[in-house]
Amino acid sequence: MASQPAPVSLSAEQVDALNRHLGDMRHNVNNYLSLITAATEIVRRKPEVAERMMNTVAEQPPKIISEMRKFSDALEKTLGLTPGS
């Protein structure tokens, strides 16, 4: 049976930094999702621009993944974790 991980204590500064990282991630992901929504609406109204808008849509998921990785890395660093541990 696997042992339980030890509790982690964070300083107020560490919690503050994580909150800032989380806020940045939420803001940026929201922006990327807004671009997808806007591009979809443009295509709905003007199908002739679909090919051009598809590039905009296709660029957003990797940006979202990158934002999530940045936050995950900051969280793991703050908690003293390594991936897969």
PDB file of N, CA and C in Angstrom:
ATOM      1  N   MET A   1       0.841  -1.170   0.000  1.00  0.00           N
ATOM      2  CA  MET A   1       0.000   0.000   0.000  1.00  0.00           C
ATOM      3  C   MET A   1       0.888   1.235   0.000  1.00  0.00           C
ATOM      4  N   ALA A   2       0.590   2.201  -0.853  1.00  0.00           N
ATOM      5  CA  ALA A   2       1.409   3.406  -0.981  1.00  0.00           C
ATOM      6  C   ALA A   2       1.255   4.278   0.253  1.00  0.00           C
ATOM      7  N   SER A   3       2.362   4.884   0.648  1.00  0.00           N
ATOM      8  CA  SER A   3       2.306   5.778   1.804  1.00  0.00           C
ATOM      9  C   SER A   3       1.720   7.126   1.404  1.00  0.00           C
ATOM     10  N   GLN A   4       1.132   7.784   2.373  1.00  0.00           N
ATOM     11  CA  GLN A   4       0.533   9.096   2.144  1.00  0.00           C
ATOM     12  C   GLN A   4       1.638  10.142   2.033  1.00  0.00           C
ATOM     13  N   PRO A   5       1.492  11.109   1.120  1.00  0.00           N
ATOM     14  CA  PRO A   5       2.498  12.162   1.023  1.00  0.00           C
ATOM     15  C   PRO A   5       2.465  13.037   2.274  1.00  0.00           C
ATOM     16  N   ALA A   6       3.608  13.579   2.608  1.00  0.00           N
ATOM     17  CA  ALA A   6       3.707  14.465   3.771  1.00  0.00           C
ATOM     18  C   ALA A   6       2.977  15.769   3.481  1.00  0.00           C
ATOM     19  N   PRO A   7       2.361  16.358   4.502  1.00  0.00           N
ATOM     20  CA  PRO A   7       1.705  17.654   4.302  1.00  0.00           C
ATOM     21  C   PRO A   7       2.726  18.708   3.880  1.00  0.00           C
ATOM     22  N   VAL A   8       2.260  19.680   3.138  1.00  0.00           N
ATOM     23  CA  VAL A   8       3.130  20.751   2.649  1.00  0.00           C
ATOM     24  C   VAL A   8       2.659  22.058   3.262  1.00  0.00           C
ATOM     25  N   SER A   9       3.609  22.830   3.763  1.00  0.00           N
ATOM     26  CA  SER A   9       3.292  24.164   4.279  1.00  0.00           C
ATOM     27  C   SER A   9       3.846  25.190   3.312  1.00  0.00           C
ATOM     28  N   LEU A  10       3.041  26.190   3.008  1.00  0.00           N
ATOM     29  CA  LEU A  10       3.470  27.257   2.110  1.00  0.00           C
ATOM     30  C   LEU A  10       3.461  28.578   2.861  1.00  0.00           C
ATOM     31  N   SER A  11       4.420  29.415   2.528  1.00  0.00           N
ATOM     32  CA  SER A  11       4.446  30.757   3.106  1.00  0.00           C
ATOM     33  C   SER A  11       3.394  31.613   2.412  1.00  0.00           C
ATOM     34  N   ALA A  12       3.083  32.732   3.021  1.00  0.00           N
ATOM     35  CA  ALA A  12       2.124  33.661   2.411  1.00  0.00           C
ATOM     36  C   ALA A  12       2.628  34.120   1.050  1.00  0.00           C
ATOM     37  N   GLU A  13       3.937  34.311   0.927  1.00  0.00           N
ATOM     38  CA  GLU A  13       4.519  34.745  -0.345  1.00  0.00           C
ATOM     39  C   GLU A  13       4.362  33.675  -1.418  1.00  0.00           C
ATOM     40  N   GLN A  14       4.536  32.424  -1.034  1.00  0.00           N
ATOM     41  CA  GLN A  14       4.383  31.334  -1.997  1.00  0.00           C
ATOM     42  C   GLN A  14       2.934  31.215  -2.466  1.00  0.00           C
ATOM     43  N   VAL A  15       2.012  31.340  -1.536  1.00  0.00           N
ATOM     44  CA  VAL A  15       0.592  31.288  -1.902  1.00  0.00           C
ATOM     45  C   VAL A  15       0.263  32.455  -2.817  1.00  0.00           C
ATOM     46  N   ASP A  16       0.791  33.629  -2.487  1.00  0.00           N
ATOM     47  CA  ASP A  16       0.574  34.818  -3.311  1.00  0.00           C
ATOM     48  C   ASP A  16       1.113  34.610  -4.731  1.00  0.00           C
ATOM     49  N   ALA A  17       2.319  34.051  -4.825  1.00  0.00           N
ATOM     50  CA  ALA A  17       2.924  33.809  -6.141  1.00  0.00           C
ATOM     51  C   ALA A  17       2.089  32.809  -6.946  1.00  0.00           C
ATOM     52  N   LEU A  18       1.621  31.751  -6.292  1.00  0.00           N
ATOM     53  CA  LEU A  18       0.779  30.775  -6.992  1.00  0.00           C
ATOM     54  C   LEU A  18      -0.528  31.408  -7.445  1.00  0.00           C
ATOM     55  N   ASN A  19      -1.097  32.258  -6.612  1.00  0.00           N
ATOM     56  CA  ASN A  19      -2.324  32.955  -7.006  1.00  0.00           C
ATOM     57  C   ASN A  19      -2.089  33.846  -8.216  1.00  0.00           C
ATOM     58  N   ARG A  20      -0.940  34.508  -8.261  1.00  0.00           N
ATOM     59  CA  ARG A  20      -0.614  35.341  -9.432  1.00  0.00           C
ATOM     60  C   ARG A  20      -0.465  34.476 -10.678  1.00  0.00           C
ATOM     61  N   HIS A  21       0.252  33.360 -10.550  1.00  0.00           N
ATOM     62  CA  HIS A  21       0.407  32.439 -11.693  1.00  0.00           C
ATOM     63  C   HIS A  21      -0.955  31.942 -12.167  1.00  0.00           C
ATOM     64  N   LEU A  22      -1.810  31.572 -11.226  1.00  0.00           N
ATOM     65  CA  LEU A  22      -3.137  31.080 -11.579  1.00  0.00           C
ATOM     66  C   LEU A  22      -3.951  32.170 -12.263  1.00  0.00           C
ATOM     67  N   GLY A  23      -3.889  33.388 -11.745  1.00  0.00           N
ATOM     68  CA  GLY A  23      -4.606  34.506 -12.361  1.00  0.00           C
ATOM     69  C   GLY A  23      -4.124  34.781 -13.771  1.00  0.00           C
ATOM     70  N   ASP A  24      -2.799  34.737 -13.955  1.00  0.00           N
ATOM     71  CA  ASP A  24      -2.236  34.939 -15.296  1.00  0.00           C
ATOM     72  C   ASP A  24      -2.720  33.851 -16.248  1.00  0.00           C
ATOM     73  N   MET A  25      -2.680  32.604 -15.774  1.00  0.00           N
ATOM     74  CA  MET A  25      -3.109  31.494 -16.622  1.00  0.00           C
ATOM     75  C   MET A  25      -4.580  31.652 -16.999  1.00  0.00           C
ATOM     76  N   ARG A  26      -5.423  31.943 -16.030  1.00  0.00           N
ATOM     77  CA  ARG A  26      -6.853  32.092 -16.312  1.00  0.00           C
ATOM     78  C   ARG A  26      -7.095  33.208 -17.318  1.00  0.00           C
ATOM     79  N   HIS A  27      -6.399  34.324 -17.146  1.00  0.00           N
ATOM     80  CA  HIS A  27      -6.550  35.460 -18.058  1.00  0.00           C
ATOM     81  C   HIS A  27      -6.144  35.070 -19.482  1.00  0.00           C
ATOM     82  N   ASN A  28      -4.971  34.460 -19.612  1.00  0.00           N
ATOM     83  CA  ASN A  28      -4.462  34.101 -20.934  1.00  0.00           C
ATOM     84  C   ASN A  28      -5.315  33.028 -21.608  1.00  0.00           C
ATOM     85  N   VAL A  29      -5.717  32.012 -20.853  1.00  0.00           N
ATOM     86  CA  VAL A  29      -6.570  30.968 -21.431  1.00  0.00           C
ATOM     87  C   VAL A  29      -7.895  31.572 -21.887  1.00  0.00           C
ATOM     88  N   ASN A  30      -8.449  32.471 -21.090  1.00  0.00           N
ATOM     89  CA  ASN A  30      -9.691  33.138 -21.487  1.00  0.00           C
ATOM     90  C   ASN A  30      -9.496  33.905 -22.798  1.00  0.00           C
ATOM     91  N   ASN A  31      -8.359  34.583 -22.942  1.00  0.00           N
ATOM     92  CA  ASN A  31      -8.081  35.302 -24.192  1.00  0.00           C
ATOM     93  C   ASN A  31      -8.018  34.345 -25.380  1.00  0.00           C
ATOM     94  N   TYR A  32      -7.342  33.211 -25.210  1.00  0.00           N
ATOM     95  CA  TYR A  32      -7.229  32.249 -26.306  1.00  0.00           C
ATOM     96  C   TYR A  32      -8.593  31.668 -26.667  1.00  0.00           C
ATOM     97  N   LEU A  33      -9.396  31.377 -25.658  1.00  0.00           N
ATOM     98  CA  LEU A  33     -10.742  30.859 -25.925  1.00  0.00           C
ATOM     99  C   LEU A  33     -11.615  31.917 -26.593  1.00  0.00           C
ATOM    100  N   SER A  34     -11.428  33.172 -26.224  1.00  0.00           N
ATOM    101  CA  SER A  34     -12.176  34.264 -26.865  1.00  0.00           C
ATOM    102  C   SER A  34     -11.826  34.366 -28.343  1.00  0.00           C
ATOM    103  N   LEU A  35     -10.544  34.157 -28.677  1.00  0.00           N
ATOM    104  CA  LEU A  35     -10.143  34.172 -30.085  1.00  0.00           C
ATOM    105  C   LEU A  35     -10.814  33.043 -30.861  1.00  0.00           C
ATOM    106  N   ILE A  36     -10.887  31.871 -30.246  1.00  0.00           N
ATOM    107  CA  ILE A  36     -11.561  30.744 -30.900  1.00  0.00           C
ATOM    108  C   ILE A  36     -13.035  31.074 -31.125  1.00  0.00           C
ATOM    109  N   THR A  37     -13.675  31.617 -30.107  1.00  0.00           N
ATOM    110  CA  THR A  37     -15.090  31.974 -30.210  1.00  0.00           C
ATOM    111  C   THR A  37     -15.312  33.024 -31.288  1.00  0.00           C
ATOM    112  N   ALA A  38     -14.460  34.050 -31.302  1.00  0.00           N
ATOM    113  CA  ALA A  38     -14.602  35.120 -32.297  1.00  0.00           C
ATOM    114  C   ALA A  38     -14.388  34.588 -33.707  1.00  0.00           C
ATOM    115  N   ALA A  39     -13.360  33.757 -33.888  1.00  0.00           N
ATOM    116  CA  ALA A  39     -13.090  33.201 -35.216  1.00  0.00           C
ATOM    117  C   ALA A  39     -14.255  32.339 -35.686  1.00  0.00           C
ATOM    118  N   THR A  40     -14.836  31.569 -34.777  1.00  0.00           N
ATOM    119  CA  THR A  40     -15.987  30.737 -35.125  1.00  0.00           C
ATOM    120  C   THR A  40     -17.167  31.592 -35.562  1.00  0.00           C
ATOM    121  N   GLU A  41     -17.402  32.669 -34.852  1.00  0.00           N
ATOM    122  CA  GLU A  41     -18.508  33.568 -35.201  1.00  0.00           C
ATOM    123  C   GLU A  41     -18.268  34.235 -36.554  1.00  0.00           C
ATOM    124  N   ILE A  42     -17.027  34.625 -36.822  1.00  0.00           N
ATOM    125  CA  ILE A  42     -16.705  35.237 -38.119  1.00  0.00           C
ATOM    126  C   ILE A  42     -16.966  34.244 -39.248  1.00  0.00           C
ATOM    127  N   VAL A  43     -16.539  32.991 -39.055  1.00  0.00           N
ATOM    128  CA  VAL A  43     -16.764  31.960 -40.082  1.00  0.00           C
ATOM    129  C   VAL A  43     -18.259  31.729 -40.285  1.00  0.00           C
ATOM    130  N   ARG A  44     -19.011  31.765 -39.207  1.00  0.00           N
ATOM    131  CA  ARG A  44     -20.461  31.581 -39.320  1.00  0.00           C
ATOM    132  C   ARG A  44     -21.068  32.682 -40.190  1.00  0.00           C
ATOM    133  N   ARG A  45     -20.584  33.893 -40.039  1.00  0.00           N
ATOM    134  CA  ARG A  45     -21.141  35.023 -40.794  1.00  0.00           C
ATOM    135  C   ARG A  45     -20.543  35.165 -42.191  1.00  0.00           C
ATOM    136  N   LYS A  46     -19.264  34.780 -42.315  1.00  0.00           N
ATOM    137  CA  LYS A  46     -18.566  34.910 -43.600  1.00  0.00           C
ATOM    138  C   LYS A  46     -17.810  33.615 -43.891  1.00  0.00           C
ATOM    139  N   PRO A  47     -18.480  32.610 -44.406  1.00  0.00           N
ATOM    140  CA  PRO A  47     -17.829  31.321 -44.658  1.00  0.00           C
ATOM    141  C   PRO A  47     -16.601  31.414 -45.565  1.00  0.00           C
ATOM    142  N   GLU A  48     -16.543  32.444 -46.388  1.00  0.00           N
ATOM    143  CA  GLU A  48     -15.404  32.565 -47.308  1.00  0.00           C
ATOM    144  C   GLU A  48     -14.073  32.818 -46.586  1.00  0.00           C
ATOM    145  N   VAL A  49     -14.099  33.196 -45.319  1.00  0.00           N
ATOM    146  CA  VAL A  49     -12.853  33.436 -44.575  1.00  0.00           C
ATOM    147  C   VAL A  49     -12.477  32.244 -43.692  1.00  0.00           C
ATOM    148  N   ALA A  50     -13.171  31.130 -43.878  1.00  0.00           N
ATOM    149  CA  ALA A  50     -12.967  29.959 -43.016  1.00  0.00           C
ATOM    150  C   ALA A  50     -11.519  29.489 -42.993  1.00  0.00           C
ATOM    151  N   GLU A  51     -10.889  29.407 -44.151  1.00  0.00           N
ATOM    152  CA  GLU A  51      -9.511  28.903 -44.193  1.00  0.00           C
ATOM    153  C   GLU A  51      -8.573  29.781 -43.372  1.00  0.00           C
ATOM    154  N   ARG A  52      -8.705  31.077 -43.523  1.00  0.00           N
ATOM    155  CA  ARG A  52      -7.856  32.009 -42.774  1.00  0.00           C
ATOM    156  C   ARG A  52      -8.146  31.922 -41.270  1.00  0.00           C
ATOM    157  N   MET A  53      -9.398  31.814 -40.907  1.00  0.00           N
ATOM    158  CA  MET A  53      -9.770  31.747 -39.493  1.00  0.00           C
ATOM    159  C   MET A  53      -9.341  30.425 -38.857  1.00  0.00           C
ATOM    160  N   MET A  54      -9.283  29.361 -39.662  1.00  0.00           N
ATOM    161  CA  MET A  54      -8.856  28.069 -39.127  1.00  0.00           C
ATOM    162  C   MET A  54      -7.437  28.143 -38.588  1.00  0.00           C
ATOM    163  N   ASN A  55      -6.591  28.951 -39.218  1.00  0.00           N
ATOM    164  CA  ASN A  55      -5.234  29.128 -38.697  1.00  0.00           C
ATOM    165  C   ASN A  55      -5.270  29.742 -37.305  1.00  0.00           C
ATOM    166  N   THR A  56      -6.105  30.747 -37.128  1.00  0.00           N
ATOM    167  CA  THR A  56      -6.241  31.379 -35.816  1.00  0.00           C
ATOM    168  C   THR A  56      -6.726  30.372 -34.786  1.00  0.00           C
ATOM    169  N   VAL A  57      -7.733  29.602 -35.151  1.00  0.00           N
ATOM    170  CA  VAL A  57      -8.281  28.603 -34.229  1.00  0.00           C
ATOM    171  C   VAL A  57      -7.224  27.548 -33.901  1.00  0.00           C
ATOM    172  N   ALA A  58      -6.519  27.071 -34.905  1.00  0.00           N
ATOM    173  CA  ALA A  58      -5.537  26.002 -34.709  1.00  0.00           C
ATOM    174  C   ALA A  58      -4.353  26.430 -33.847  1.00  0.00           C
ATOM    175  N   GLU A  59      -4.054  27.719 -33.791  1.00  0.00           N
ATOM    176  CA  GLU A  59      -2.929  28.216 -32.988  1.00  0.00           C
ATOM    177  C   GLU A  59      -3.244  28.261 -31.496  1.00  0.00           C
ATOM    178  N   GLN A  60      -4.498  28.245 -31.125  1.00  0.00           N
ATOM    179  CA  GLN A  60      -4.862  28.484 -29.729  1.00  0.00           C
ATOM    180  C   GLN A  60      -4.638  27.295 -28.786  1.00  0.00           C
ATOM    181  N   PRO A  61      -4.993  26.058 -29.140  1.00  0.00           N
ATOM    182  CA  PRO A  61      -4.792  24.958 -28.182  1.00  0.00           C
ATOM    183  C   PRO A  61      -3.349  24.803 -27.688  1.00  0.00           C
ATOM    184  N   PRO A  62      -2.324  24.905 -28.557  1.00  0.00           N
ATOM    185  CA  PRO A  62      -0.966  24.806 -28.023  1.00  0.00           C
ATOM    186  C   PRO A  62      -0.640  25.927 -27.028  1.00  0.00           C
ATOM    187  N   LYS A  63      -1.215  27.099 -27.246  1.00  0.00           N
ATOM    188  CA  LYS A  63      -0.996  28.204 -26.313  1.00  0.00           C
ATOM    189  C   LYS A  63      -1.650  27.906 -24.971  1.00  0.00           C
ATOM    190  N   ILE A  64      -2.835  27.321 -25.011  1.00  0.00           N
ATOM    191  CA  ILE A  64      -3.526  26.961 -23.773  1.00  0.00           C
ATOM    192  C   ILE A  64      -2.726  25.902 -23.021  1.00  0.00           C
ATOM    193  N   ILE A  65      -2.246  24.903 -23.740  1.00  0.00           N
ATOM    194  CA  ILE A  65      -1.439  23.849 -23.119  1.00  0.00           C
ATOM    195  C   ILE A  65      -0.184  24.443 -22.499  1.00  0.00           C
ATOM    196  N   SER A  66       0.455  25.371 -23.188  1.00  0.00           N
ATOM    197  CA  SER A  66       1.652  26.022 -22.666  1.00  0.00           C
ATOM    198  C   SER A  66       1.356  26.768 -21.365  1.00  0.00           C
ATOM    199  N   GLU A  67       0.242  27.476 -21.328  1.00  0.00           N
ATOM    200  CA  GLU A  67      -0.147  28.198 -20.107  1.00  0.00           C
ATOM    201  C   GLU A  67      -0.360  27.223 -18.949  1.00  0.00           C
ATOM    202  N   MET A  68      -0.996  26.108 -19.226  1.00  0.00           N
ATOM    203  CA  MET A  68      -1.248  25.125 -18.176  1.00  0.00           C
ATOM    204  C   MET A  68       0.060  24.497 -17.696  1.00  0.00           C
ATOM    205  N   ARG A  69       0.982  24.261 -18.621  1.00  0.00           N
ATOM    206  CA  ARG A  69       2.287  23.706 -18.235  1.00  0.00           C
ATOM    207  C   ARG A  69       3.063  24.684 -17.366  1.00  0.00           C
ATOM    208  N   LYS A  70       3.017  25.972 -17.733  1.00  0.00           N
ATOM    209  CA  LYS A  70       3.723  26.977 -16.926  1.00  0.00           C
ATOM    210  C   LYS A  70       3.200  26.988 -15.497  1.00  0.00           C
ATOM    211  N   PHE A  71       1.873  26.949 -15.350  1.00  0.00           N
ATOM    212  CA  PHE A  71       1.307  26.942 -14.005  1.00  0.00           C
ATOM    213  C   PHE A  71       1.676  25.657 -13.278  1.00  0.00           C
ATOM    214  N   SER A  72       1.565  24.531 -13.962  1.00  0.00           N
ATOM    215  CA  SER A  72       1.903  23.248 -13.360  1.00  0.00           C
ATOM    216  C   SER A  72       3.359  23.226 -12.903  1.00  0.00           C
ATOM    217  N   ASP A  73       4.259  23.747 -13.727  1.00  0.00           N
ATOM    218  CA  ASP A  73       5.677  23.814 -13.358  1.00  0.00           C
ATOM    219  C   ASP A  73       5.884  24.675 -12.121  1.00  0.00           C
ATOM    220  N   ALA A  74       5.207  25.831 -12.076  1.00  0.00           N
ATOM    221  CA  ALA A  74       5.334  26.721 -10.920  1.00  0.00           C
ATOM    222  C   ALA A  74       4.795  26.040  -9.661  1.00  0.00           C
ATOM    223  N   LEU A  75       3.680  25.343  -9.794  1.00  0.00           N
ATOM    224  CA  LEU A  75       3.095  24.641  -8.651  1.00  0.00           C
ATOM    225  C   LEU A  75       4.030  23.543  -8.159  1.00  0.00           C
ATOM    226  N   GLU A  76       4.541  22.736  -9.085  1.00  0.00           N
ATOM    227  CA  GLU A  76       5.456  21.656  -8.707  1.00  0.00           C
ATOM    228  C   GLU A  76       6.714  22.204  -8.052  1.00  0.00           C
ATOM    229  N   LYS A  77       7.242  23.302  -8.584  1.00  0.00           N
ATOM    230  CA  LYS A  77       8.442  23.912  -8.007  1.00  0.00           C
ATOM    231  C   LYS A  77       8.150  24.406  -6.590  1.00  0.00           C
ATOM    232  N   THR A  78       7.027  25.081  -6.414  1.00  0.00           N
ATOM    233  CA  THR A  78       6.668  25.609  -5.101  1.00  0.00           C
ATOM    234  C   THR A  78       6.460  24.494  -4.087  1.00  0.00           C
ATOM    235  N   LEU A  79       5.849  23.405  -4.514  1.00  0.00           N
ATOM    236  CA  LEU A  79       5.579  22.290  -3.607  1.00  0.00           C
ATOM    237  C   LEU A  79       6.769  21.348  -3.457  1.00  0.00           C
ATOM    238  N   GLY A  80       7.819  21.590  -4.237  1.00  0.00           N
ATOM    239  CA  GLY A  80       8.993  20.732  -4.167  1.00  0.00           C
ATOM    240  C   GLY A  80       8.757  19.361  -4.764  1.00  0.00           C
ATOM    241  N   LEU A  81       7.897  19.302  -5.755  1.00  0.00           N
ATOM    242  CA  LEU A  81       7.572  18.036  -6.413  1.00  0.00           C
ATOM    243  C   LEU A  81       8.347  17.900  -7.708  1.00  0.00           C
ATOM    244  N   THR A  82       8.478  16.685  -8.142  1.00  0.00           N
ATOM    245  CA  THR A  82       9.010  16.435  -9.477  1.00  0.00           C
ATOM    246  C   THR A  82       7.937  15.670 -10.231  1.00  0.00           C
ATOM    247  N   PRO A  83       7.836  15.888 -11.540  1.00  0.00           N
ATOM    248  CA  PRO A  83       6.814  15.166 -12.305  1.00  0.00           C
ATOM    249  C   PRO A  83       6.943  13.660 -12.101  1.00  0.00           C
ATOM    250  N   GLY A  84       5.809  13.025 -11.894  1.00  0.00           N
ATOM    251  CA  GLY A  84       5.780  11.581 -11.739  1.00  0.00           C
ATOM    252  C   GLY A  84       6.057  11.089 -10.333  1.00  0.00           C
ATOM    253  N   SER A  85       6.274  12.023  -9.391  1.00  0.00           N
ATOM    254  CA  SER A  85       6.555  11.553  -8.025  1.00  0.00           C
ATOM    255  C   SER A  85       5.288  11.405  -7.223  1.00  0.00           C
TER     256      SER A  85
END
